[in-house]
Amino acid sequence: MSTVFLSFGIGALGGAGAVGRFWIHNRVVQADPRDFPLGTFIVNIVGSLALGLLIGAGATHDLRLLAGTGLLGAFTTFSTWMFETERLVADGALRSAMTNIVVSLGLGLAAFSVGFVLGSAF
């Protein structure tokens, strides 16, 4: 696949991933408006599962770039996760901040692993 096509494809899928993250995050916040950043947590776990499926299924290099880097890279968000964790610390919600870090990492790795195993079955 040409570099130009890959670049535009990654950009387009990145836009779709970012819109998907925004949409899901807003729906979660509307349904559960507490201080814990549940919307970001959910998109990161779902994205980890999806990336595991993609890699486990043996996606080609180009597909990994398009779907993994473009779509899922924009869908998930490390910077927002860290920002929201810092806000929890600044607000004195240390237990929530630590929960956000530990549970996000643990479930993220577990979700990726489950996705990888499921993807490998295909």
PDB file of N, CA and C in Angstrom:
ATOM      1  N   MET A   1       0.854  -1.171   0.000  1.00  0.00           N
ATOM      2  CA  MET A   1       0.000   0.000   0.000  1.00  0.00           C
ATOM      3  C   MET A   1       0.902   1.236   0.000  1.00  0.00           C
ATOM      4  N   SER A   2       0.529   2.253  -0.718  1.00  0.00           N
ATOM      5  CA  SER A   2       1.378   3.437  -0.812  1.00  0.00           C
ATOM      6  C   SER A   2       1.386   4.225   0.490  1.00  0.00           C
ATOM      7  N   THR A   3       2.480   4.922   0.717  1.00  0.00           N
ATOM      8  CA  THR A   3       2.620   5.745   1.917  1.00  0.00           C
ATOM      9  C   THR A   3       1.566   6.839   1.954  1.00  0.00           C
ATOM     10  N   VAL A   4       1.235   7.392   0.807  1.00  0.00           N
ATOM     11  CA  VAL A   4       0.221   8.451   0.748  1.00  0.00           C
ATOM     12  C   VAL A   4      -1.137   7.895   1.171  1.00  0.00           C
ATOM     13  N   PHE A   5      -1.507   6.729   0.632  1.00  0.00           N
ATOM     14  CA  PHE A   5      -2.787   6.127   0.999  1.00  0.00           C
ATOM     15  C   PHE A   5      -2.825   5.794   2.481  1.00  0.00           C
ATOM     16  N   LEU A   6      -1.729   5.217   2.995  1.00  0.00           N
ATOM     17  CA  LEU A   6      -1.671   4.897   4.417  1.00  0.00           C
ATOM     18  C   LEU A   6      -1.806   6.150   5.272  1.00  0.00           C
ATOM     19  N   SER A   7      -1.134   7.207   4.877  1.00  0.00           N
ATOM     20  CA  SER A   7      -1.189   8.458   5.643  1.00  0.00           C
ATOM     21  C   SER A   7      -2.603   9.019   5.696  1.00  0.00           C
ATOM     22  N   PHE A   8      -3.273   9.051   4.560  1.00  0.00           N
ATOM     23  CA  PHE A   8      -4.644   9.566   4.539  1.00  0.00           C
ATOM     24  C   PHE A   8      -5.599   8.611   5.269  1.00  0.00           C
ATOM     25  N   GLY A   9      -5.363   7.323   5.104  1.00  0.00           N
ATOM     26  CA  GLY A   9      -6.196   6.334   5.799  1.00  0.00           C
ATOM     27  C   GLY A   9      -6.056   6.428   7.308  1.00  0.00           C
ATOM     28  N   ILE A  10      -4.818   6.570   7.782  1.00  0.00           N
ATOM     29  CA  ILE A  10      -4.591   6.719   9.223  1.00  0.00           C
ATOM     30  C   ILE A  10      -5.260   7.991   9.727  1.00  0.00           C
ATOM     31  N   GLY A  11      -5.149   9.066   8.964  1.00  0.00           N
ATOM     32  CA  GLY A  11      -5.790  10.324   9.363  1.00  0.00           C
ATOM     33  C   GLY A  11      -7.305  10.211   9.423  1.00  0.00           C
ATOM     34  N   ALA A  12      -7.889   9.595   8.399  1.00  0.00           N
ATOM     35  CA  ALA A  12      -9.351   9.453   8.359  1.00  0.00           C
ATOM     36  C   ALA A  12      -9.843   8.539   9.483  1.00  0.00           C
ATOM     37  N   LEU A  13      -9.165   7.418   9.668  1.00  0.00           N
ATOM     38  CA  LEU A  13      -9.577   6.505  10.735  1.00  0.00           C
ATOM     39  C   LEU A  13      -9.288   7.105  12.110  1.00  0.00           C
ATOM     40  N   GLY A  14      -8.226   7.893  12.199  1.00  0.00           N
ATOM     41  CA  GLY A  14      -7.952   8.594  13.456  1.00  0.00           C
ATOM     42  C   GLY A  14      -9.072   9.557  13.802  1.00  0.00           C
ATOM     43  N   GLY A  15      -9.578  10.255  12.801  1.00  0.00           N
ATOM     44  CA  GLY A  15     -10.716  11.144  13.033  1.00  0.00           C
ATOM     45  C   GLY A  15     -11.937  10.375  13.495  1.00  0.00           C
ATOM     46  N   ALA A  16     -12.182   9.236  12.867  1.00  0.00           N
ATOM     47  CA  ALA A  16     -13.329   8.407  13.262  1.00  0.00           C
ATOM     48  C   ALA A  16     -13.145   7.891  14.689  1.00  0.00           C
ATOM     49  N   GLY A  17     -11.931   7.482  15.041  1.00  0.00           N
ATOM     50  CA  GLY A  17     -11.663   6.996  16.396  1.00  0.00           C
ATOM     51  C   GLY A  17     -11.873   8.073  17.444  1.00  0.00           C
ATOM     52  N   ALA A  18     -11.412   9.291  17.130  1.00  0.00           N
ATOM     53  CA  ALA A  18     -11.574  10.399  18.074  1.00  0.00           C
ATOM     54  C   ALA A  18     -13.046  10.752  18.261  1.00  0.00           C
ATOM     55  N   VAL A  19     -13.809  10.739  17.181  1.00  0.00           N
ATOM     56  CA  VAL A  19     -15.250  11.015  17.280  1.00  0.00           C
ATOM     57  C   VAL A  19     -15.941   9.912  18.083  1.00  0.00           C
ATOM     58  N   GLY A  20     -15.551   8.662  17.853  1.00  0.00           N
ATOM     59  CA  GLY A  20     -16.120   7.554  18.615  1.00  0.00           C
ATOM     60  C   GLY A  20     -15.831   7.683  20.102  1.00  0.00           C
ATOM     61  N   ARG A  21     -14.594   8.048  20.424  1.00  0.00           N
ATOM     62  CA  ARG A  21     -14.231   8.244  21.833  1.00  0.00           C
ATOM     63  C   ARG A  21     -15.062   9.369  22.445  1.00  0.00           C
ATOM     64  N   PHE A  22     -15.180  10.480  21.744  1.00  0.00           N
ATOM     65  CA  PHE A  22     -15.953  11.626  22.229  1.00  0.00           C
ATOM     66  C   PHE A  22     -17.403  11.231  22.464  1.00  0.00           C
ATOM     67  N   TRP A  23     -17.986  10.500  21.524  1.00  0.00           N
ATOM     68  CA  TRP A  23     -19.387  10.096  21.621  1.00  0.00           C
ATOM     69  C   TRP A  23     -19.598   9.161  22.813  1.00  0.00           C
ATOM     70  N   ILE A  24     -18.765   8.141  22.931  1.00  0.00           N
ATOM     71  CA  ILE A  24     -18.919   7.184  24.035  1.00  0.00           C
ATOM     72  C   ILE A  24     -18.680   7.867  25.374  1.00  0.00           C
ATOM     73  N   HIS A  25     -17.620   8.666  25.450  1.00  0.00           N
ATOM     74  CA  HIS A  25     -17.303   9.364  26.695  1.00  0.00           C
ATOM     75  C   HIS A  25     -18.484  10.237  27.151  1.00  0.00           C
ATOM     76  N   ASN A  26     -19.053  10.988  26.231  1.00  0.00           N
ATOM     77  CA  ASN A  26     -20.188  11.851  26.589  1.00  0.00           C
ATOM     78  C   ASN A  26     -21.401  11.047  27.033  1.00  0.00           C
ATOM     79  N   ARG A  27     -21.669   9.914  26.391  1.00  0.00           N
ATOM     80  CA  ARG A  27     -22.806   9.075  26.789  1.00  0.00           C
ATOM     81  C   ARG A  27     -22.594   8.527  28.201  1.00  0.00           C
ATOM     82  N   VAL A  28     -21.377   8.111  28.491  1.00  0.00           N
ATOM     83  CA  VAL A  28     -21.086   7.567  29.822  1.00  0.00           C
ATOM     84  C   VAL A  28     -21.213   8.653  30.879  1.00  0.00           C
ATOM     85  N   VAL A  29     -20.692   9.837  30.608  1.00  0.00           N
ATOM     86  CA  VAL A  29     -20.759  10.940  31.572  1.00  0.00           C
ATOM     87  C   VAL A  29     -22.209  11.347  31.819  1.00  0.00           C
ATOM     88  N   GLN A  30     -23.033  11.344  30.777  1.00  0.00           N
ATOM     89  CA  GLN A  30     -24.451  11.671  30.953  1.00  0.00           C
ATOM     90  C   GLN A  30     -25.151  10.625  31.812  1.00  0.00           C
ATOM     91  N   ALA A  31     -24.795   9.363  31.630  1.00  0.00           N
ATOM     92  CA  ALA A  31     -25.434   8.281  32.382  1.00  0.00           C
ATOM     93  C   ALA A  31     -24.901   8.176  33.804  1.00  0.00           C
ATOM     94  N   ASP A  32     -23.629   8.556  34.007  1.00  0.00           N
ATOM     95  CA  ASP A  32     -22.982   8.396  35.307  1.00  0.00           C
ATOM     96  C   ASP A  32     -22.053   9.586  35.545  1.00  0.00           C
ATOM     97  N   PRO A  33     -22.597  10.701  36.040  1.00  0.00           N
ATOM     98  CA  PRO A  33     -21.818  11.935  36.133  1.00  0.00           C
ATOM     99  C   PRO A  33     -20.905  12.067  37.359  1.00  0.00           C
ATOM    100  N   ARG A  34     -20.518  10.958  38.002  1.00  0.00           N
ATOM    101  CA  ARG A  34     -19.653  11.082  39.178  1.00  0.00           C
ATOM    102  C   ARG A  34     -18.248  11.538  38.767  1.00  0.00           C
ATOM    103  N   ASP A  35     -17.418  11.797  39.753  1.00  0.00           N
ATOM    104  CA  ASP A  35     -16.099  12.364  39.502  1.00  0.00           C
ATOM    105  C   ASP A  35     -15.111  11.398  38.859  1.00  0.00           C
ATOM    106  N   PHE A  36     -15.282  10.087  39.054  1.00  0.00           N
ATOM    107  CA  PHE A  36     -14.353   9.124  38.472  1.00  0.00           C
ATOM    108  C   PHE A  36     -14.469   9.156  36.951  1.00  0.00           C
ATOM    109  N   PRO A  37     -13.351   9.209  36.217  1.00  0.00           N
ATOM    110  CA  PRO A  37     -13.377   9.327  34.747  1.00  0.00           C
ATOM    111  C   PRO A  37     -13.738   8.012  34.056  1.00  0.00           C
ATOM    112  N   LEU A  38     -14.963   7.584  34.236  1.00  0.00           N
ATOM    113  CA  LEU A  38     -15.421   6.298  33.728  1.00  0.00           C
ATOM    114  C   LEU A  38     -15.438   6.237  32.200  1.00  0.00           C
ATOM    115  N   GLY A  39     -15.755   7.343  31.545  1.00  0.00           N
ATOM    116  CA  GLY A  39     -15.797   7.359  30.075  1.00  0.00           C
ATOM    117  C   GLY A  39     -14.442   7.031  29.473  1.00  0.00           C
ATOM    118  N   THR A  40     -13.405   7.674  29.956  1.00  0.00           N
ATOM    119  CA  THR A  40     -12.053   7.400  29.468  1.00  0.00           C
ATOM    120  C   THR A  40     -11.642   5.981  29.812  1.00  0.00           C
ATOM    121  N   PHE A  41     -11.977   5.543  31.008  1.00  0.00           N
ATOM    122  CA  PHE A  41     -11.666   4.178  31.438  1.00  0.00           C
ATOM    123  C   PHE A  41     -12.277   3.171  30.467  1.00  0.00           C
ATOM    124  N   ILE A  42     -13.541   3.341  30.130  1.00  0.00           N
ATOM    125  CA  ILE A  42     -14.232   2.398  29.250  1.00  0.00           C
ATOM    126  C   ILE A  42     -13.620   2.382  27.856  1.00  0.00           C
ATOM    127  N   VAL A  43     -13.376   3.548  27.266  1.00  0.00           N
ATOM    128  CA  VAL A  43     -12.817   3.547  25.908  1.00  0.00           C
ATOM    129  C   VAL A  43     -11.421   2.925  25.886  1.00  0.00           C
ATOM    130  N   ASN A  44     -10.632   3.134  26.929  1.00  0.00           N
ATOM    131  CA  ASN A  44      -9.300   2.546  26.949  1.00  0.00           C
ATOM    132  C   ASN A  44      -9.343   1.028  27.081  1.00  0.00           C
ATOM    133  N   ILE A  45     -10.280   0.492  27.863  1.00  0.00           N
ATOM    134  CA  ILE A  45     -10.395  -0.958  27.999  1.00  0.00           C
ATOM    135  C   ILE A  45     -10.941  -1.571  26.706  1.00  0.00           C
ATOM    136  N   VAL A  46     -11.951  -0.958  26.129  1.00  0.00           N
ATOM    137  CA  VAL A  46     -12.502  -1.454  24.859  1.00  0.00           C
ATOM    138  C   VAL A  46     -11.436  -1.392  23.762  1.00  0.00           C
ATOM    139  N   GLY A  47     -10.683  -0.305  23.724  1.00  0.00           N
ATOM    140  CA  GLY A  47      -9.613  -0.174  22.734  1.00  0.00           C
ATOM    141  C   GLY A  47      -8.529  -1.223  22.923  1.00  0.00           C
ATOM    142  N   SER A  48      -8.199  -1.538  24.158  1.00  0.00           N
ATOM    143  CA  SER A  48      -7.201  -2.579  24.434  1.00  0.00           C
ATOM    144  C   SER A  48      -7.683  -3.940  23.947  1.00  0.00           C
ATOM    145  N   LEU A  49      -8.947  -4.242  24.196  1.00  0.00           N
ATOM    146  CA  LEU A  49      -9.538  -5.494  23.716  1.00  0.00           C
ATOM    147  C   LEU A  49      -9.488  -5.551  22.191  1.00  0.00           C
ATOM    148  N   ALA A  50      -9.898  -4.463  21.547  1.00  0.00           N
ATOM    149  CA  ALA A  50      -9.920  -4.422  20.078  1.00  0.00           C
ATOM    150  C   ALA A  50      -8.515  -4.561  19.497  1.00  0.00           C
ATOM    151  N   LEU A  51      -7.530  -3.925  20.118  1.00  0.00           N
ATOM    152  CA  LEU A  51      -6.162  -4.050  19.633  1.00  0.00           C
ATOM    153  C   LEU A  51      -5.664  -5.480  19.803  1.00  0.00           C
ATOM    154  N   GLY A  52      -6.005  -6.111  20.909  1.00  0.00           N
ATOM    155  CA  GLY A  52      -5.647  -7.512  21.099  1.00  0.00           C
ATOM    156  C   GLY A  52      -6.243  -8.405  20.024  1.00  0.00           C
ATOM    157  N   LEU A  53      -7.513  -8.165  19.688  1.00  0.00           N
ATOM    158  CA  LEU A  53      -8.161  -8.922  18.612  1.00  0.00           C
ATOM    159  C   LEU A  53      -7.427  -8.734  17.290  1.00  0.00           C
ATOM    160  N   LEU A  54      -7.092  -7.502  16.993  1.00  0.00           N
ATOM    161  CA  LEU A  54      -6.407  -7.159  15.740  1.00  0.00           C
ATOM    162  C   LEU A  54      -5.055  -7.859  15.650  1.00  0.00           C
ATOM    163  N   ILE A  55      -4.272  -7.759  16.686  1.00  0.00           N
ATOM    164  CA  ILE A  55      -2.935  -8.359  16.687  1.00  0.00           C
ATOM    165  C   ILE A  55      -3.040  -9.882  16.732  1.00  0.00           C
ATOM    166  N   GLY A  56      -3.925 -10.391  17.570  1.00  0.00           N
ATOM    167  CA  GLY A  56      -4.096 -11.840  17.678  1.00  0.00           C
ATOM    168  C   GLY A  56      -4.552 -12.479  16.380  1.00  0.00           C
ATOM    169  N   ALA A  57      -5.337 -11.761  15.612  1.00  0.00           N
ATOM    170  CA  ALA A  57      -5.833 -12.287  14.342  1.00  0.00           C
ATOM    171  C   ALA A  57      -4.770 -12.256  13.250  1.00  0.00           C
ATOM    172  N   GLY A  58      -3.605 -11.698  13.579  1.00  0.00           N
ATOM    173  CA  GLY A  58      -2.517 -11.677  12.597  1.00  0.00           C
ATOM    174  C   GLY A  58      -2.692 -10.622  11.514  1.00  0.00           C
ATOM    175  N   ALA A  59      -3.209  -9.481  11.881  1.00  0.00           N
ATOM    176  CA  ALA A  59      -3.417  -8.404  10.911  1.00  0.00           C
ATOM    177  C   ALA A  59      -2.112  -8.051  10.211  1.00  0.00           C
ATOM    178  N   THR A  60      -2.219  -7.705   8.962  1.00  0.00           N
ATOM    179  CA  THR A  60      -1.048  -7.298   8.189  1.00  0.00           C
ATOM    180  C   THR A  60      -0.476  -5.996   8.746  1.00  0.00           C
ATOM    181  N   HIS A  61       0.732  -5.682   8.336  1.00  0.00           N
ATOM    182  CA  HIS A  61       1.385  -4.453   8.783  1.00  0.00           C
ATOM    183  C   HIS A  61       0.532  -3.227   8.440  1.00  0.00           C
ATOM    184  N   ASP A  62       0.032  -3.181   7.222  1.00  0.00           N
ATOM    185  CA  ASP A  62      -0.782  -2.034   6.805  1.00  0.00           C
ATOM    186  C   ASP A  62      -2.068  -1.934   7.617  1.00  0.00           C
ATOM    187  N   LEU A  63      -2.706  -3.061   7.871  1.00  0.00           N
ATOM    188  CA  LEU A  63      -3.938  -3.037   8.677  1.00  0.00           C
ATOM    189  C   LEU A  63      -3.652  -2.613  10.110  1.00  0.00           C
ATOM    190  N   ARG A  64      -2.518  -3.067  10.653  1.00  0.00           N
ATOM    191  CA  ARG A  64      -2.138  -2.634  12.003  1.00  0.00           C
ATOM    192  C   ARG A  64      -1.931  -1.128  12.040  1.00  0.00           C
ATOM    193  N   LEU A  65      -1.351  -0.566  10.982  1.00  0.00           N
ATOM    194  CA  LEU A  65      -1.177   0.887  10.937  1.00  0.00           C
ATOM    195  C   LEU A  65      -2.527   1.600  10.833  1.00  0.00           C
ATOM    196  N   LEU A  66      -3.367   1.125   9.933  1.00  0.00           N
ATOM    197  CA  LEU A  66      -4.662   1.779   9.723  1.00  0.00           C
ATOM    198  C   LEU A  66      -5.576   1.643  10.946  1.00  0.00           C
ATOM    199  N   ALA A  67      -5.799   0.418  11.366  1.00  0.00           N
ATOM    200  CA  ALA A  67      -6.751   0.183  12.462  1.00  0.00           C
ATOM    201  C   ALA A  67      -6.112   0.395  13.829  1.00  0.00           C
ATOM    202  N   GLY A  68      -4.884  -0.068  14.003  1.00  0.00           N
ATOM    203  CA  GLY A  68      -4.229   0.048  15.307  1.00  0.00           C
ATOM    204  C   GLY A  68      -3.778   1.456  15.617  1.00  0.00           C
ATOM    205  N   THR A  69      -3.001   2.034  14.712  1.00  0.00           N
ATOM    206  CA  THR A  69      -2.492   3.388  14.935  1.00  0.00           C
ATOM    207  C   THR A  69      -3.572   4.436  14.695  1.00  0.00           C
ATOM    208  N   GLY A  70      -4.269   4.323  13.564  1.00  0.00           N
ATOM    209  CA  GLY A  70      -5.272   5.329  13.222  1.00  0.00           C
ATOM    210  C   GLY A  70      -6.515   5.262  14.089  1.00  0.00           C
ATOM    211  N   LEU A  71      -7.315   4.241  13.891  1.00  0.00           N
ATOM    212  CA  LEU A  71      -8.607   4.133  14.578  1.00  0.00           C
ATOM    213  C   LEU A  71      -8.454   3.969  16.087  1.00  0.00           C
ATOM    214  N   LEU A  72      -7.733   2.926  16.506  1.00  0.00           N
ATOM    215  CA  LEU A  72      -7.644   2.642  17.937  1.00  0.00           C
ATOM    216  C   LEU A  72      -6.704   3.587  18.669  1.00  0.00           C
ATOM    217  N   GLY A  73      -5.678   4.077  17.975  1.00  0.00           N
ATOM    218  CA  GLY A  73      -4.780   5.046  18.599  1.00  0.00           C
ATOM    219  C   GLY A  73      -5.492   6.340  18.959  1.00  0.00           C
ATOM    220  N   ALA A  74      -6.432   6.737  18.117  1.00  0.00           N
ATOM    221  CA  ALA A  74      -7.206   7.950  18.408  1.00  0.00           C
ATOM    222  C   ALA A  74      -8.385   7.661  19.332  1.00  0.00           C
ATOM    223  N   PHE A  75      -8.891   6.444  19.282  1.00  0.00           N
ATOM    224  CA  PHE A  75     -10.018   6.063  20.141  1.00  0.00           C
ATOM    225  C   PHE A  75      -9.587   6.020  21.607  1.00  0.00           C
ATOM    226  N   THR A  76      -8.436   5.414  21.860  1.00  0.00           N
ATOM    227  CA  THR A  76      -7.917   5.353  23.231  1.00  0.00           C
ATOM    228  C   THR A  76      -7.118   6.620  23.507  1.00  0.00           C
ATOM    229  N   THR A  77      -6.855   6.883  24.784  1.00  0.00           N
ATOM    230  CA  THR A  77      -6.169   8.126  25.088  1.00  0.00           C
ATOM    231  C   THR A  77      -5.355   8.036  26.368  1.00  0.00           C
ATOM    232  N   PHE A  78      -4.053   8.042  26.203  1.00  0.00           N
ATOM    233  CA  PHE A  78      -3.157   8.041  27.359  1.00  0.00           C
ATOM    234  C   PHE A  78      -3.133   9.418  28.015  1.00  0.00           C
ATOM    235  N   SER A  79      -3.070  10.459  27.210  1.00  0.00           N
ATOM    236  CA  SER A  79      -2.940  11.816  27.768  1.00  0.00           C
ATOM    237  C   SER A  79      -4.164  12.209  28.594  1.00  0.00           C
ATOM    238  N   THR A  80      -5.349  11.888  28.134  1.00  0.00           N
ATOM    239  CA  THR A  80      -6.554  12.215  28.907  1.00  0.00           C
ATOM    240  C   THR A  80      -6.598  11.393  30.184  1.00  0.00           C
ATOM    241  N   TRP A  81      -6.201  10.126  30.101  1.00  0.00           N
ATOM    242  CA  TRP A  81      -6.152   9.258  31.280  1.00  0.00           C
ATOM    243  C   TRP A  81      -5.235   9.866  32.336  1.00  0.00           C
ATOM    244  N   MET A  82      -4.052  10.333  31.925  1.00  0.00           N
ATOM    245  CA  MET A  82      -3.116  10.932  32.882  1.00  0.00           C
ATOM    246  C   MET A  82      -3.634  12.274  33.407  1.00  0.00           C
ATOM    247  N   PHE A  83      -4.225  13.078  32.528  1.00  0.00           N
ATOM    248  CA  PHE A  83      -4.770  14.362  32.957  1.00  0.00           C
ATOM    249  C   PHE A  83      -5.883  14.156  33.990  1.00  0.00           C
ATOM    250  N   GLU A  84      -6.788  13.226  33.701  1.00  0.00           N
ATOM    251  CA  GLU A  84      -7.887  12.984  34.632  1.00  0.00           C
ATOM    252  C   GLU A  84      -7.382  12.415  35.958  1.00  0.00           C
ATOM    253  N   THR A  85      -6.341  11.605  35.894  1.00  0.00           N
ATOM    254  CA  THR A  85      -5.744  11.081  37.116  1.00  0.00           C
ATOM    255  C   THR A  85      -5.111  12.211  37.926  1.00  0.00           C
ATOM    256  N   GLU A  86      -4.417  13.113  37.264  1.00  0.00           N
ATOM    257  CA  GLU A  86      -3.813  14.269  37.944  1.00  0.00           C
ATOM    258  C   GLU A  86      -4.894  15.138  38.572  1.00  0.00           C
ATOM    259  N   ARG A  87      -6.025  15.306  37.898  1.00  0.00           N
ATOM    260  CA  ARG A  87      -7.134  16.095  38.445  1.00  0.00           C
ATOM    261  C   ARG A  87      -7.686  15.428  39.706  1.00  0.00           C
ATOM    262  N   LEU A  88      -7.766  14.118  39.705  1.00  0.00           N
ATOM    263  CA  LEU A  88      -8.221  13.411  40.907  1.00  0.00           C
ATOM    264  C   LEU A  88      -7.266  13.665  42.072  1.00  0.00           C
ATOM    265  N   VAL A  89      -5.965  13.620  41.796  1.00  0.00           N
ATOM    266  CA  VAL A  89      -4.965  13.903  42.837  1.00  0.00           C
ATOM    267  C   VAL A  89      -5.118  15.337  43.331  1.00  0.00           C
ATOM    268  N   ALA A  90      -5.226  16.281  42.403  1.00  0.00           N
ATOM    269  CA  ALA A  90      -5.362  17.698  42.774  1.00  0.00           C
ATOM    270  C   ALA A  90      -6.620  17.951  43.599  1.00  0.00           C
ATOM    271  N   ASP A  91      -7.661  17.177  43.351  1.00  0.00           N
ATOM    272  CA  ASP A  91      -8.914  17.324  44.097  1.00  0.00           C
ATOM    273  C   ASP A  91      -8.912  16.542  45.410  1.00  0.00           C
ATOM    274  N   GLY A  92      -7.792  15.882  45.700  1.00  0.00           N
ATOM    275  CA  GLY A  92      -7.687  15.135  46.949  1.00  0.00           C
ATOM    276  C   GLY A  92      -8.291  13.736  46.911  1.00  0.00           C
ATOM    277  N   ALA A  93      -8.643  13.277  45.727  1.00  0.00           N
ATOM    278  CA  ALA A  93      -9.247  11.950  45.588  1.00  0.00           C
ATOM    279  C   ALA A  93      -8.147  10.929  45.266  1.00  0.00           C
ATOM    280  N   LEU A  94      -7.238  10.754  46.217  1.00  0.00           N
ATOM    281  CA  LEU A  94      -6.069   9.899  45.993  1.00  0.00           C
ATOM    282  C   LEU A  94      -6.449   8.446  45.748  1.00  0.00           C
ATOM    283  N   ARG A  95      -7.433   7.949  46.479  1.00  0.00           N
ATOM    284  CA  ARG A  95      -7.863   6.555  46.282  1.00  0.00           C
ATOM    285  C   ARG A  95      -8.412   6.366  44.866  1.00  0.00           C
ATOM    286  N   SER A  96      -9.205   7.304  44.397  1.00  0.00           N
ATOM    287  CA  SER A  96      -9.741   7.212  43.029  1.00  0.00           C
ATOM    288  C   SER A  96      -8.618   7.304  42.003  1.00  0.00           C
ATOM    289  N   ALA A  97      -7.639   8.156  42.251  1.00  0.00           N
ATOM    290  CA  ALA A  97      -6.509   8.292  41.325  1.00  0.00           C
ATOM    291  C   ALA A  97      -5.726   6.988  41.242  1.00  0.00           C
ATOM    292  N   MET A  98      -5.443   6.395  42.382  1.00  0.00           N
ATOM    293  CA  MET A  98      -4.703   5.132  42.389  1.00  0.00           C
ATOM    294  C   MET A  98      -5.527   4.012  41.763  1.00  0.00           C
ATOM    295  N   THR A  99      -6.814   4.001  42.036  1.00  0.00           N
ATOM    296  CA  THR A  99      -7.697   3.010  41.432  1.00  0.00           C
ATOM    297  C   THR A  99      -7.680   3.161  39.913  1.00  0.00           C
ATOM    298  N   ASN A 100      -7.742   4.403  39.448  1.00  0.00           N
ATOM    299  CA  ASN A 100      -7.724   4.669  38.014  1.00  0.00           C
ATOM    300  C   ASN A 100      -6.448   4.130  37.375  1.00  0.00           C
ATOM    301  N   ILE A 101      -5.324   4.327  38.019  1.00  0.00           N
ATOM    302  CA  ILE A 101      -4.050   3.857  37.458  1.00  0.00           C
ATOM    303  C   ILE A 101      -3.975   2.327  37.489  1.00  0.00           C
ATOM    304  N   VAL A 102      -4.162   1.752  38.663  1.00  0.00           N
ATOM    305  CA  VAL A 102      -3.964   0.315  38.833  1.00  0.00           C
ATOM    306  C   VAL A 102      -4.993  -0.499  38.050  1.00  0.00           C
ATOM    307  N   VAL A 103      -6.260  -0.136  38.175  1.00  0.00           N
ATOM    308  CA  VAL A 103      -7.306  -0.908  37.502  1.00  0.00           C
ATOM    309  C   VAL A 103      -7.243  -0.708  35.982  1.00  0.00           C
ATOM    310  N   SER A 104      -6.947   0.501  35.533  1.00  0.00           N
ATOM    311  CA  SER A 104      -6.813   0.729  34.089  1.00  0.00           C
ATOM    312  C   SER A 104      -5.688  -0.110  33.503  1.00  0.00           C
ATOM    313  N   LEU A 105      -4.550  -0.125  34.167  1.00  0.00           N
ATOM    314  CA  LEU A 105      -3.425  -0.928  33.669  1.00  0.00           C
ATOM    315  C   LEU A 105      -3.748  -2.420  33.712  1.00  0.00           C
ATOM    316  N   GLY A 106      -4.276  -2.876  34.836  1.00  0.00           N
ATOM    317  CA  GLY A 106      -4.585  -4.299  34.974  1.00  0.00           C
ATOM    318  C   GLY A 106      -5.632  -4.774  33.989  1.00  0.00           C
ATOM    319  N   LEU A 107      -6.747  -4.055  33.931  1.00  0.00           N
ATOM    320  CA  LEU A 107      -7.812  -4.461  33.006  1.00  0.00           C
ATOM    321  C   LEU A 107      -7.426  -4.227  31.552  1.00  0.00           C
ATOM    322  N   GLY A 108      -6.631  -3.191  31.302  1.00  0.00           N
ATOM    323  CA  GLY A 108      -6.158  -2.954  29.938  1.00  0.00           C
ATOM    324  C   GLY A 108      -5.313  -4.112  29.434  1.00  0.00           C
ATOM    325  N   LEU A 109      -4.377  -4.564  30.264  1.00  0.00           N
ATOM    326  CA  LEU A 109      -3.552  -5.715  29.885  1.00  0.00           C
ATOM    327  C   LEU A 109      -4.389  -6.985  29.760  1.00  0.00           C
ATOM    328  N   ALA A 110      -5.327  -7.162  30.677  1.00  0.00           N
ATOM    329  CA  ALA A 110      -6.193  -8.340  30.619  1.00  0.00           C
ATOM    330  C   ALA A 110      -7.072  -8.304  29.367  1.00  0.00           C
ATOM    331  N   ALA A 111      -7.625  -7.141  29.044  1.00  0.00           N
ATOM    332  CA  ALA A 111      -8.480  -7.007  27.861  1.00  0.00           C
ATOM    333  C   ALA A 111      -7.679  -7.287  26.590  1.00  0.00           C
ATOM    334  N   PHE A 112      -6.460  -6.742  26.521  1.00  0.00           N
ATOM    335  CA  PHE A 112      -5.615  -7.010  25.359  1.00  0.00           C
ATOM    336  C   PHE A 112      -5.350  -8.516  25.242  1.00  0.00           C
ATOM    337  N   SER A 113      -5.033  -9.147  26.359  1.00  0.00           N
ATOM    338  CA  SER A 113      -4.733 -10.581  26.361  1.00  0.00           C
ATOM    339  C   SER A 113      -5.929 -11.414  25.913  1.00  0.00           C
ATOM    340  N   VAL A 114      -7.102 -11.088  26.422  1.00  0.00           N
ATOM    341  CA  VAL A 114      -8.319 -11.793  26.004  1.00  0.00           C
ATOM    342  C   VAL A 114      -8.544 -11.581  24.512  1.00  0.00           C
ATOM    343  N   GLY A 115      -8.411 -10.345  24.054  1.00  0.00           N
ATOM    344  CA  GLY A 115      -8.564 -10.060  22.633  1.00  0.00           C
ATOM    345  C   GLY A 115      -7.559 -10.825  21.787  1.00  0.00           C
ATOM    346  N   PHE A 116      -6.323 -10.893  22.246  1.00  0.00           N
ATOM    347  CA  PHE A 116      -5.279 -11.606  21.513  1.00  0.00           C
ATOM    348  C   PHE A 116      -5.621 -13.082  21.395  1.00  0.00           C
ATOM    349  N   VAL A 117      -6.052 -13.686  22.488  1.00  0.00           N
ATOM    350  CA  VAL A 117      -6.412 -15.108  22.462  1.00  0.00           C
ATOM    351  C   VAL A 117      -7.617 -15.331  21.545  1.00  0.00           C
ATOM    352  N   LEU A 118      -8.614 -14.484  21.668  1.00  0.00           N
ATOM    353  CA  LEU A 118      -9.798 -14.615  20.790  1.00  0.00           C
ATOM    354  C   LEU A 118      -9.429 -14.394  19.322  1.00  0.00           C
ATOM    355  N   GLY A 119      -8.605 -13.388  19.076  1.00  0.00           N
ATOM    356  CA  GLY A 119      -8.172 -13.102  17.712  1.00  0.00           C
ATOM    357  C   GLY A 119      -7.354 -14.240  17.122  1.00  0.00           C
ATOM    358  N   SER A 120      -6.552 -14.882  17.955  1.00  0.00           N
ATOM    359  CA  SER A 120      -5.730 -16.006  17.499  1.00  0.00           C
ATOM    360  C   SER A 120      -6.588 -17.200  17.089  1.00  0.00           C
ATOM    361  N   ALA A 121      -7.807 -17.267  17.599  1.00  0.00           N
ATOM    362  CA  ALA A 121      -8.703 -18.377  17.276  1.00  0.00           C
ATOM    363  C   ALA A 121      -9.246 -18.277  15.853  1.00  0.00           C
ATOM    364  N   PHE A 122      -9.100 -17.108  15.231  1.00  0.00           N
ATOM    365  CA  PHE A 122      -9.637 -16.923  13.875  1.00  0.00           C
ATOM    366  C   PHE A 122      -8.648 -17.391  12.860  1.00  0.00           C
TER     367      PHE A 122
END
